[in-house]
Each structure stands twice: as C-alpha cells, then as structure tokens.
Protein backbone atom coordinates (compact mmCIF):
# COMPACT_ATOMS: atom_id res chain seq x y z
CA UNK A 1 59.94 171.06 99.24
CA UNK A 2 58.78 167.48 99.78
CA UNK A 3 62.09 166.12 98.48
CA UNK A 4 63.92 168.39 100.94
CA UNK A 5 61.92 166.99 103.88
CA UNK A 6 62.36 163.40 102.66
CA UNK A 7 66.11 163.94 102.24
CA UNK A 8 66.45 165.36 105.75
CA UNK A 9 64.44 162.46 107.19
CA UNK A 10 66.70 159.99 105.38
CA UNK A 11 69.77 161.67 106.88
CA UNK A 12 68.21 161.48 110.36
CA UNK A 13 67.34 157.79 109.93
CA UNK A 14 70.86 156.97 108.75
CA UNK A 15 72.26 158.86 111.74
CA UNK A 16 70.02 156.89 114.11
CA UNK A 17 71.14 153.61 112.55
CA UNK A 18 74.78 154.65 112.96
CA UNK A 19 74.11 155.54 116.61
CA UNK A 20 72.72 152.03 117.16
CA UNK A 21 75.72 150.44 115.44
CA UNK A 22 78.12 152.50 117.56
CA UNK A 23 76.28 151.55 120.76
CA UNK A 24 76.30 147.90 119.75
CA UNK A 25 79.89 147.47 118.56
CA UNK A 26 82.09 150.18 120.11
CA UNK A 27 84.12 148.51 122.88
CA UNK A 28 85.15 151.70 124.70
CA UNK A 29 82.73 154.33 126.00
CA UNK A 30 85.09 157.17 125.16
CA UNK A 31 85.50 155.95 121.59
CA UNK A 32 81.72 155.59 121.30
CA UNK A 33 81.21 159.20 122.41
CA UNK A 34 83.72 160.47 119.86
CA UNK A 35 82.15 158.42 117.08
CA UNK A 36 78.68 159.68 118.01
CA UNK A 37 79.94 163.25 117.95
CA UNK A 38 81.40 162.64 114.49
CA UNK A 39 78.07 161.21 113.27
CA UNK A 40 76.18 164.23 114.64
CA UNK A 41 78.55 166.68 112.96
CA UNK A 42 78.38 164.88 109.61
CA UNK A 43 74.58 164.69 109.75
CA UNK A 44 74.29 168.36 110.65
CA UNK A 45 76.62 169.25 107.80
CA UNK A 46 74.55 167.22 105.37
CA UNK A 47 71.32 168.83 106.56
CA UNK A 48 72.79 172.33 106.33
CA UNK A 49 74.09 171.50 102.85
CA UNK A 50 70.52 170.63 101.81
CA UNK A 51 69.10 173.80 103.38
CA UNK A 52 71.61 176.27 101.88
CA UNK A 53 69.91 176.63 98.46
CA UNK A 54 66.63 177.31 100.24
CA UNK A 55 68.06 180.41 101.93
CA UNK A 56 69.88 181.68 98.85
CA UNK A 57 73.41 180.31 99.10
CA UNK A 58 74.79 177.85 96.57
CA UNK A 59 75.27 174.28 97.73
CA UNK A 60 78.77 173.28 98.80
CA UNK A 61 78.73 169.97 96.94
C-alpha cells in the first residue's frame, strides 16, 4: 500500500514539473492549455492504471 501511495505521489510531482515547464516554455497560450490537458490525461491514466489491481481488475500494462 505504501508503494502505491509513493507511486501516485511521484506521478503527481512529475505532472507538476511538466506544468511548470509548459508554463515556462510554451509560446502560445492555446498550445499551453492543450499540453496541460494532455499532461492531466496521461497522469490520470497512470494513476488509474496503478489503482486497477487494488479494485480487482488486471493492470493494463
């Protein structure tokens, strides 16, 4: 259970770092919004992938 929480926290930290990089280096606001949406979706997918075995479904990867 502790490894699950640590893994989810690592995913959240990586997502926050990517948000900062996008804010810092994306020249267009519209592009930045799309990239942030992509980061959120990928992070949510990774978190759900870690939670699936906990609720009884096999992991996707």
